[in-house]
Amino acid sequence: YANVKKCSNEGRALMQLDFQQFLMKLEKLTDIRPIPDKEFVETYIKAYYLTENDMERWIKEHREYSTKHLTNLVNVCLGSHINKKARQKLLAAIDDIDRPKR
């Protein structure tokens, strides 16, 4: 999901439905319960709907996602509900988080 280049609200809703279908099929194939990392994916998909301020907070709180995941999330939101100025602010926040790792 992090490799998506462009996505509408409807597209993101379809991603959620696709993921739910995938989980249902996977649960039929395996006895592993709960499915590992299910919340990791669900949380990422739902982050698309956050407002600019909420997304900035979310980015700072969710260190489990890579810089690539976070950057792509912000870039996909550009134009749908985040403007260029907000995008720059969010990318700077991601860069600040990533900076200590370098």
N, C-alpha and C. Protein backbone atom coordinates (compact mmCIF):
# COMPACT_ATOMS: atom_id res chain seq x y z
N TYR A 1 0.82 -1.20 0.00
CA TYR A 1 0.00 0.00 0.00
C TYR A 1 0.86 1.26 0.00
N ALA A 2 2.06 1.14 0.47
CA ALA A 2 2.95 2.30 0.52
C ALA A 2 3.51 2.67 -0.84
N ASN A 3 3.34 1.82 -1.84
CA ASN A 3 3.86 2.10 -3.17
C ASN A 3 2.86 2.79 -4.08
N VAL A 4 1.67 3.05 -3.59
CA VAL A 4 0.64 3.72 -4.38
C VAL A 4 1.11 5.14 -4.69
N LYS A 5 0.94 5.56 -5.94
CA LYS A 5 1.38 6.89 -6.36
C LYS A 5 0.28 7.94 -6.20
N LYS A 6 -0.96 7.52 -6.40
CA LYS A 6 -2.07 8.45 -6.33
C LYS A 6 -3.30 7.67 -5.90
N CYS A 7 -4.11 8.26 -5.03
CA CYS A 7 -5.26 7.52 -4.53
C CYS A 7 -6.34 8.48 -4.06
N SER A 8 -7.57 8.20 -4.44
CA SER A 8 -8.71 9.00 -4.00
C SER A 8 -9.26 8.43 -2.70
N ASN A 9 -10.20 9.13 -2.11
CA ASN A 9 -10.87 8.61 -0.91
C ASN A 9 -11.54 7.28 -1.23
N GLU A 10 -12.17 7.19 -2.39
CA GLU A 10 -12.84 5.96 -2.80
C GLU A 10 -11.82 4.83 -2.97
N GLY A 11 -10.67 5.16 -3.53
CA GLY A 11 -9.61 4.17 -3.71
C GLY A 11 -9.09 3.65 -2.39
N ARG A 12 -8.93 4.54 -1.43
CA ARG A 12 -8.46 4.12 -0.11
C ARG A 12 -9.52 3.26 0.58
N ALA A 13 -10.79 3.58 0.39
CA ALA A 13 -11.86 2.76 0.94
C ALA A 13 -11.83 1.36 0.31
N LEU A 14 -11.55 1.30 -0.98
CA LEU A 14 -11.43 0.00 -1.64
C LEU A 14 -10.23 -0.78 -1.12
N MET A 15 -9.14 -0.08 -0.77
CA MET A 15 -7.99 -0.75 -0.17
C MET A 15 -8.39 -1.43 1.14
N GLN A 16 -9.18 -0.72 1.94
CA GLN A 16 -9.64 -1.30 3.20
C GLN A 16 -10.48 -2.54 2.94
N LEU A 17 -11.37 -2.48 1.97
CA LEU A 17 -12.19 -3.64 1.64
C LEU A 17 -11.34 -4.80 1.11
N ASP A 18 -10.38 -4.48 0.25
CA ASP A 18 -9.47 -5.51 -0.28
C ASP A 18 -8.70 -6.18 0.85
N PHE A 19 -8.22 -5.38 1.79
CA PHE A 19 -7.45 -5.93 2.90
C PHE A 19 -8.34 -6.82 3.77
N GLN A 20 -9.58 -6.42 4.00
CA GLN A 20 -10.50 -7.25 4.78
C GLN A 20 -10.77 -8.58 4.07
N GLN A 21 -10.95 -8.54 2.76
CA GLN A 21 -11.14 -9.77 1.99
C GLN A 21 -9.90 -10.66 2.06
N PHE A 22 -8.74 -10.05 1.96
CA PHE A 22 -7.48 -10.78 2.07
C PHE A 22 -7.39 -11.48 3.42
N LEU A 23 -7.73 -10.76 4.50
CA LEU A 23 -7.68 -11.36 5.83
C LEU A 23 -8.64 -12.53 5.98
N MET A 24 -9.85 -12.37 5.44
CA MET A 24 -10.83 -13.46 5.52
C MET A 24 -10.32 -14.71 4.80
N LYS A 25 -9.74 -14.54 3.63
CA LYS A 25 -9.19 -15.67 2.88
C LYS A 25 -8.00 -16.28 3.61
N LEU A 26 -7.16 -15.45 4.16
CA LEU A 26 -5.98 -15.92 4.87
C LEU A 26 -6.37 -16.70 6.12
N GLU A 27 -7.39 -16.25 6.82
CA GLU A 27 -7.85 -16.95 8.02
C GLU A 27 -8.39 -18.34 7.69
N LYS A 28 -8.93 -18.51 6.49
CA LYS A 28 -9.41 -19.83 6.06
C LYS A 28 -8.26 -20.77 5.76
N LEU A 29 -7.12 -20.20 5.36
CA LEU A 29 -5.97 -21.01 4.97
C LEU A 29 -5.04 -21.37 6.12
N THR A 30 -5.14 -20.66 7.23
CA THR A 30 -4.20 -20.86 8.31
C THR A 30 -4.90 -20.87 9.66
N ASP A 31 -4.24 -21.48 10.63
CA ASP A 31 -4.78 -21.50 12.00
C ASP A 31 -4.15 -20.41 12.86
N ILE A 32 -3.31 -19.61 12.29
CA ILE A 32 -2.64 -18.54 13.05
C ILE A 32 -3.66 -17.46 13.39
N ARG A 33 -3.82 -17.21 14.68
CA ARG A 33 -4.73 -16.17 15.16
C ARG A 33 -4.04 -15.41 16.28
N PRO A 34 -4.10 -14.16 16.32
CA PRO A 34 -4.53 -13.25 15.25
C PRO A 34 -3.49 -13.21 14.14
N ILE A 35 -3.92 -12.71 13.00
CA ILE A 35 -3.02 -12.59 11.86
C ILE A 35 -1.94 -11.56 12.23
N PRO A 36 -0.67 -11.93 12.11
CA PRO A 36 0.41 -11.01 12.49
C PRO A 36 0.40 -9.71 11.68
N ASP A 37 0.65 -8.62 12.35
CA ASP A 37 0.80 -7.29 11.75
C ASP A 37 -0.45 -6.76 11.07
N LYS A 38 -1.59 -7.31 11.39
CA LYS A 38 -2.86 -6.85 10.83
C LYS A 38 -3.08 -5.36 11.16
N GLU A 39 -2.85 -5.01 12.42
CA GLU A 39 -3.05 -3.62 12.85
C GLU A 39 -2.08 -2.67 12.18
N PHE A 40 -0.89 -3.14 11.89
CA PHE A 40 0.13 -2.34 11.22
C PHE A 40 -0.40 -1.84 9.88
N VAL A 41 -1.01 -2.73 9.12
CA VAL A 41 -1.55 -2.38 7.79
C VAL A 41 -2.82 -1.54 7.94
N GLU A 42 -3.71 -1.94 8.81
CA GLU A 42 -4.97 -1.20 8.99
C GLU A 42 -4.72 0.24 9.42
N THR A 43 -3.81 0.42 10.34
CA THR A 43 -3.49 1.76 10.83
C THR A 43 -2.93 2.63 9.72
N TYR A 44 -2.09 2.05 8.89
CA TYR A 44 -1.50 2.79 7.77
C TYR A 44 -2.58 3.21 6.77
N ILE A 45 -3.47 2.32 6.43
CA ILE A 45 -4.53 2.64 5.47
C ILE A 45 -5.42 3.75 6.03
N LYS A 46 -5.75 3.68 7.31
CA LYS A 46 -6.64 4.67 7.93
C LYS A 46 -5.97 6.03 8.09
N ALA A 47 -4.65 6.07 8.13
CA ALA A 47 -3.93 7.34 8.29
C ALA A 47 -4.18 8.28 7.11
N TYR A 48 -4.54 7.75 5.98
CA TYR A 48 -4.82 8.56 4.80
C TYR A 48 -5.90 9.61 5.07
N TYR A 49 -6.85 9.28 5.92
CA TYR A 49 -8.00 10.15 6.18
C TYR A 49 -7.73 11.25 7.20
N LEU A 50 -6.58 11.24 7.82
CA LEU A 50 -6.28 12.23 8.87
C LEU A 50 -6.12 13.63 8.30
N THR A 51 -6.46 14.60 9.12
CA THR A 51 -6.24 15.99 8.74
C THR A 51 -4.75 16.29 8.86
N GLU A 52 -4.35 17.45 8.38
CA GLU A 52 -2.93 17.84 8.42
C GLU A 52 -2.36 17.76 9.84
N ASN A 53 -3.04 18.38 10.80
CA ASN A 53 -2.53 18.39 12.18
C ASN A 53 -2.51 17.00 12.79
N ASP A 54 -3.56 16.25 12.55
CA ASP A 54 -3.61 14.89 13.08
C ASP A 54 -2.54 14.01 12.44
N MET A 55 -2.30 14.22 11.15
CA MET A 55 -1.29 13.43 10.47
C MET A 55 0.12 13.75 10.99
N GLU A 56 0.37 15.01 11.29
CA GLU A 56 1.68 15.37 11.85
C GLU A 56 1.89 14.66 13.18
N ARG A 57 0.88 14.66 14.01
CA ARG A 57 0.95 13.98 15.31
C ARG A 57 1.12 12.47 15.10
N TRP A 58 0.36 11.92 14.15
CA TRP A 58 0.41 10.50 13.85
C TRP A 58 1.81 10.09 13.39
N ILE A 59 2.41 10.90 12.53
CA ILE A 59 3.76 10.63 12.02
C ILE A 59 4.76 10.56 13.18
N LYS A 60 4.63 11.48 14.10
CA LYS A 60 5.56 11.52 15.24
C LYS A 60 5.34 10.36 16.21
N GLU A 61 4.12 9.87 16.30
CA GLU A 61 3.79 8.80 17.24
C GLU A 61 4.03 7.40 16.66
N HIS A 62 4.05 7.26 15.38
CA HIS A 62 4.15 5.94 14.75
C HIS A 62 5.52 5.73 14.13
N ARG A 63 6.47 5.48 14.99
CA ARG A 63 7.85 5.28 14.55
C ARG A 63 8.07 3.90 13.92
N GLU A 64 7.06 3.04 13.99
CA GLU A 64 7.22 1.69 13.44
C GLU A 64 7.21 1.69 11.91
N TYR A 65 6.76 2.79 11.31
CA TYR A 65 6.74 2.88 9.84
C TYR A 65 8.04 3.49 9.35
N SER A 66 8.49 3.00 8.21
CA SER A 66 9.74 3.52 7.64
C SER A 66 9.54 4.92 7.08
N THR A 67 10.63 5.58 6.81
CA THR A 67 10.59 6.90 6.19
C THR A 67 9.87 6.82 4.84
N LYS A 68 10.12 5.75 4.11
CA LYS A 68 9.46 5.57 2.81
C LYS A 68 7.95 5.47 2.98
N HIS A 69 7.50 4.69 3.96
CA HIS A 69 6.06 4.57 4.22
C HIS A 69 5.44 5.93 4.50
N LEU A 70 6.07 6.68 5.39
CA LEU A 70 5.53 7.97 5.80
C LEU A 70 5.55 8.98 4.65
N THR A 71 6.64 9.02 3.92
CA THR A 71 6.76 9.95 2.80
C THR A 71 5.71 9.65 1.73
N ASN A 72 5.53 8.39 1.40
CA ASN A 72 4.53 8.04 0.40
C ASN A 72 3.12 8.35 0.87
N LEU A 73 2.86 8.17 2.14
CA LEU A 73 1.54 8.50 2.68
C LEU A 73 1.25 9.99 2.48
N VAL A 74 2.21 10.83 2.81
CA VAL A 74 2.05 12.28 2.66
C VAL A 74 1.89 12.64 1.19
N ASN A 75 2.70 12.05 0.33
CA ASN A 75 2.63 12.37 -1.11
C ASN A 75 1.31 11.95 -1.74
N VAL A 76 0.76 10.84 -1.30
CA VAL A 76 -0.53 10.37 -1.83
C VAL A 76 -1.65 11.31 -1.40
N CYS A 77 -1.54 11.89 -0.22
CA CYS A 77 -2.57 12.80 0.28
C CYS A 77 -2.53 14.17 -0.40
N LEU A 78 -1.43 14.50 -1.03
CA LEU A 78 -1.30 15.79 -1.71
C LEU A 78 -2.37 15.93 -2.78
N GLY A 79 -3.10 17.03 -2.70
CA GLY A 79 -4.12 17.29 -3.70
C GLY A 79 -5.50 16.80 -3.28
N SER A 80 -5.55 15.73 -2.49
CA SER A 80 -6.87 15.24 -2.08
C SER A 80 -7.36 16.02 -0.86
N HIS A 81 -6.53 16.13 0.16
CA HIS A 81 -6.93 16.92 1.33
C HIS A 81 -5.75 17.58 2.03
N ILE A 82 -4.59 17.54 1.40
CA ILE A 82 -3.41 18.22 1.95
C ILE A 82 -2.80 19.05 0.82
N ASN A 83 -2.56 20.33 1.11
CA ASN A 83 -1.99 21.21 0.09
C ASN A 83 -0.46 21.13 0.09
N LYS A 84 0.17 21.83 -0.83
CA LYS A 84 1.63 21.76 -0.97
C LYS A 84 2.36 22.27 0.27
N LYS A 85 1.85 23.32 0.88
CA LYS A 85 2.49 23.87 2.07
C LYS A 85 2.43 22.85 3.22
N ALA A 86 1.29 22.22 3.38
CA ALA A 86 1.14 21.20 4.42
C ALA A 86 2.04 20.00 4.13
N ARG A 87 2.14 19.66 2.86
CA ARG A 87 3.00 18.55 2.45
C ARG A 87 4.44 18.82 2.86
N GLN A 88 4.92 20.03 2.59
CA GLN A 88 6.29 20.39 2.95
C GLN A 88 6.50 20.30 4.46
N LYS A 89 5.51 20.77 5.22
CA LYS A 89 5.59 20.72 6.68
C LYS A 89 5.67 19.27 7.18
N LEU A 90 4.83 18.41 6.61
CA LEU A 90 4.82 17.01 7.02
C LEU A 90 6.10 16.29 6.62
N LEU A 91 6.61 16.59 5.43
CA LEU A 91 7.87 15.97 5.00
C LEU A 91 9.03 16.43 5.87
N ALA A 92 8.98 17.68 6.32
CA ALA A 92 10.01 18.18 7.25
C ALA A 92 9.93 17.44 8.58
N ALA A 93 8.72 17.15 9.05
CA ALA A 93 8.54 16.40 10.29
C ALA A 93 9.11 14.99 10.14
N ILE A 94 8.90 14.38 8.98
CA ILE A 94 9.46 13.05 8.72
C ILE A 94 10.97 13.11 8.70
N ASP A 95 11.50 14.13 8.07
CA ASP A 95 12.96 14.31 8.00
C ASP A 95 13.55 14.50 9.40
N ASP A 96 12.85 15.24 10.25
CA ASP A 96 13.32 15.46 11.62
C ASP A 96 13.36 14.15 12.40
N ILE A 97 12.40 13.29 12.17
CA ILE A 97 12.36 11.98 12.83
C ILE A 97 13.49 11.12 12.33
N ASP A 98 13.74 11.17 11.04
CA ASP A 98 14.76 10.31 10.40
C ASP A 98 16.17 10.79 10.69
N ARG A 99 16.34 12.07 10.97
CA ARG A 99 17.66 12.67 11.14
C ARG A 99 18.53 11.96 12.20
N PRO A 100 18.02 11.61 13.39
CA PRO A 100 18.87 10.94 14.37
C PRO A 100 19.39 9.57 13.91
N LYS A 101 18.70 8.93 12.97
CA LYS A 101 19.13 7.63 12.47
C LYS A 101 20.37 7.72 11.59
N ARG A 102 20.58 8.89 10.99
CA ARG A 102 21.68 9.04 10.04
C ARG A 102 23.00 9.17 10.70
